[in-house]
């Protein structure tokens, strides 16, 4: 049995990525992604390189 937040902490990136995927795949007419600050580690590979 895991104690503390270690198991929850390890699942957070997967959960965040899954939520982004669900939101993006359920967009019907358009999808606008915005950011403030550093890009998400999930979207960085999709962004054009400077």
N, C-alpha and C. Protein backbone atom coordinates (compact mmCIF):
# COMPACT_ATOMS: atom_id res chain seq x y z
N UNK A 1 0.83 -1.18 0.00
CA UNK A 1 0.00 0.00 0.00
C UNK A 1 0.88 1.24 0.00
N UNK A 2 0.59 2.15 -0.89
CA UNK A 2 1.33 3.41 -0.94
C UNK A 2 0.71 4.39 0.03
N UNK A 3 1.55 5.12 0.70
CA UNK A 3 1.04 6.12 1.63
C UNK A 3 1.43 7.49 1.13
N UNK A 4 0.77 8.48 1.68
CA UNK A 4 1.08 9.85 1.29
C UNK A 4 0.57 10.16 -0.10
N UNK A 5 1.15 11.16 -0.71
CA UNK A 5 0.69 11.60 -2.02
C UNK A 5 1.52 11.09 -3.18
N UNK A 6 2.42 10.15 -2.94
CA UNK A 6 3.32 9.73 -4.02
C UNK A 6 2.58 9.12 -5.20
N UNK A 7 1.60 8.27 -4.96
CA UNK A 7 0.86 7.65 -6.06
C UNK A 7 0.02 8.69 -6.79
N UNK A 8 -0.60 9.56 -6.03
CA UNK A 8 -1.41 10.63 -6.63
C UNK A 8 -0.52 11.55 -7.45
N UNK A 9 0.63 11.88 -6.93
CA UNK A 9 1.56 12.77 -7.62
C UNK A 9 2.01 12.16 -8.95
N UNK A 10 2.23 10.87 -8.99
CA UNK A 10 2.66 10.21 -10.23
C UNK A 10 1.53 10.16 -11.25
N UNK A 11 0.28 10.13 -10.80
CA UNK A 11 -0.85 10.05 -11.74
C UNK A 11 -1.24 11.41 -12.31
N UNK A 12 -0.86 12.49 -11.68
CA UNK A 12 -1.29 13.82 -12.12
C UNK A 12 -0.93 14.14 -13.57
N UNK A 13 0.31 13.91 -14.02
CA UNK A 13 0.60 14.22 -15.44
C UNK A 13 -0.28 13.42 -16.40
N UNK A 14 -0.52 12.16 -16.09
CA UNK A 14 -1.38 11.33 -16.95
C UNK A 14 -2.80 11.88 -16.96
N UNK A 15 -3.30 12.27 -15.80
CA UNK A 15 -4.65 12.82 -15.72
C UNK A 15 -4.77 14.12 -16.49
N UNK A 16 -3.79 14.99 -16.34
CA UNK A 16 -3.83 16.27 -17.06
C UNK A 16 -3.79 16.05 -18.56
N UNK A 17 -2.95 15.13 -19.01
CA UNK A 17 -2.86 14.84 -20.44
C UNK A 17 -4.18 14.24 -20.95
N UNK A 18 -4.79 13.38 -20.16
CA UNK A 18 -6.06 12.78 -20.55
C UNK A 18 -7.16 13.83 -20.65
N UNK A 19 -7.20 14.76 -19.71
CA UNK A 19 -8.20 15.83 -19.76
C UNK A 19 -8.02 16.71 -20.99
N UNK A 20 -6.78 17.02 -21.32
CA UNK A 20 -6.51 17.80 -22.53
C UNK A 20 -6.97 17.04 -23.77
N UNK A 21 -6.69 15.76 -23.84
CA UNK A 21 -7.09 14.94 -24.98
C UNK A 21 -8.62 14.92 -25.12
N UNK A 22 -9.32 14.72 -24.02
CA UNK A 22 -10.79 14.68 -24.06
C UNK A 22 -11.34 16.02 -24.53
N UNK A 23 -10.82 17.10 -23.99
CA UNK A 23 -11.30 18.42 -24.39
C UNK A 23 -11.05 18.67 -25.87
N UNK A 24 -9.88 18.30 -26.35
CA UNK A 24 -9.54 18.54 -27.75
C UNK A 24 -10.36 17.68 -28.69
N UNK A 25 -10.60 16.44 -28.33
CA UNK A 25 -11.33 15.55 -29.23
C UNK A 25 -12.83 15.80 -29.20
N UNK A 26 -13.33 16.50 -28.19
CA UNK A 26 -14.76 16.80 -28.12
C UNK A 26 -15.11 18.17 -28.68
N UNK A 27 -14.12 18.92 -29.07
CA UNK A 27 -14.39 20.23 -29.68
C UNK A 27 -15.12 19.98 -31.00
N UNK A 28 -16.21 20.70 -31.21
CA UNK A 28 -17.02 20.45 -32.40
C UNK A 28 -16.63 21.34 -33.58
N UNK A 29 -16.70 22.64 -33.40
CA UNK A 29 -16.48 23.56 -34.51
C UNK A 29 -15.08 24.15 -34.54
N UNK A 30 -14.51 24.38 -33.38
CA UNK A 30 -13.19 24.99 -33.32
C UNK A 30 -12.55 24.68 -31.98
N UNK A 31 -11.25 24.79 -31.96
CA UNK A 31 -10.49 24.58 -30.73
C UNK A 31 -9.43 25.67 -30.65
N UNK A 32 -9.48 26.45 -29.62
CA UNK A 32 -8.49 27.51 -29.41
C UNK A 32 -7.69 27.17 -28.16
N UNK A 33 -6.40 27.09 -28.32
CA UNK A 33 -5.51 26.83 -27.18
C UNK A 33 -4.72 28.10 -26.91
N UNK A 34 -4.77 28.54 -25.68
CA UNK A 34 -4.01 29.72 -25.29
C UNK A 34 -3.13 29.35 -24.11
N UNK A 35 -2.18 30.21 -23.82
CA UNK A 35 -1.31 29.95 -22.68
C UNK A 35 -0.84 31.26 -22.10
N UNK A 36 -0.41 31.17 -20.89
CA UNK A 36 0.18 32.30 -20.20
C UNK A 36 1.46 31.79 -19.57
N UNK A 37 2.58 32.31 -20.01
CA UNK A 37 3.86 31.81 -19.50
C UNK A 37 4.41 30.69 -20.36
N UNK A 38 5.04 29.75 -19.72
CA UNK A 38 5.66 28.63 -20.44
C UNK A 38 4.59 27.71 -21.04
N UNK A 39 4.87 27.14 -22.22
CA UNK A 39 3.89 26.23 -22.81
C UNK A 39 3.80 24.93 -22.00
N UNK A 40 2.67 24.31 -22.08
CA UNK A 40 2.47 23.03 -21.43
C UNK A 40 3.44 22.01 -21.99
N UNK A 41 3.92 21.11 -21.15
CA UNK A 41 4.83 20.06 -21.64
C UNK A 41 4.11 19.13 -22.61
N UNK A 42 2.78 19.13 -22.59
CA UNK A 42 2.02 18.29 -23.51
C UNK A 42 1.88 18.94 -24.88
N UNK A 43 1.94 20.26 -24.93
CA UNK A 43 1.77 20.96 -26.19
C UNK A 43 3.10 21.40 -26.81
N UNK A 44 4.14 21.44 -26.04
CA UNK A 44 5.44 21.91 -26.54
C UNK A 44 5.89 21.19 -27.82
N UNK A 45 5.72 19.88 -27.92
CA UNK A 45 6.14 19.22 -29.17
C UNK A 45 5.35 19.64 -30.40
N UNK A 46 4.18 20.24 -30.21
CA UNK A 46 3.34 20.65 -31.33
C UNK A 46 3.60 22.08 -31.79
N UNK A 47 4.30 22.85 -30.96
CA UNK A 47 4.53 24.26 -31.26
C UNK A 47 5.69 24.45 -32.23
N UNK A 48 5.61 25.45 -33.10
CA UNK A 48 6.74 25.72 -34.00
C UNK A 48 7.96 26.14 -33.20
N UNK A 49 9.10 25.74 -33.67
CA UNK A 49 10.36 26.11 -33.00
C UNK A 49 10.81 27.48 -33.48
N UNK A 50 11.34 28.27 -32.56
CA UNK A 50 11.78 29.63 -32.94
C UNK A 50 12.95 29.62 -33.90
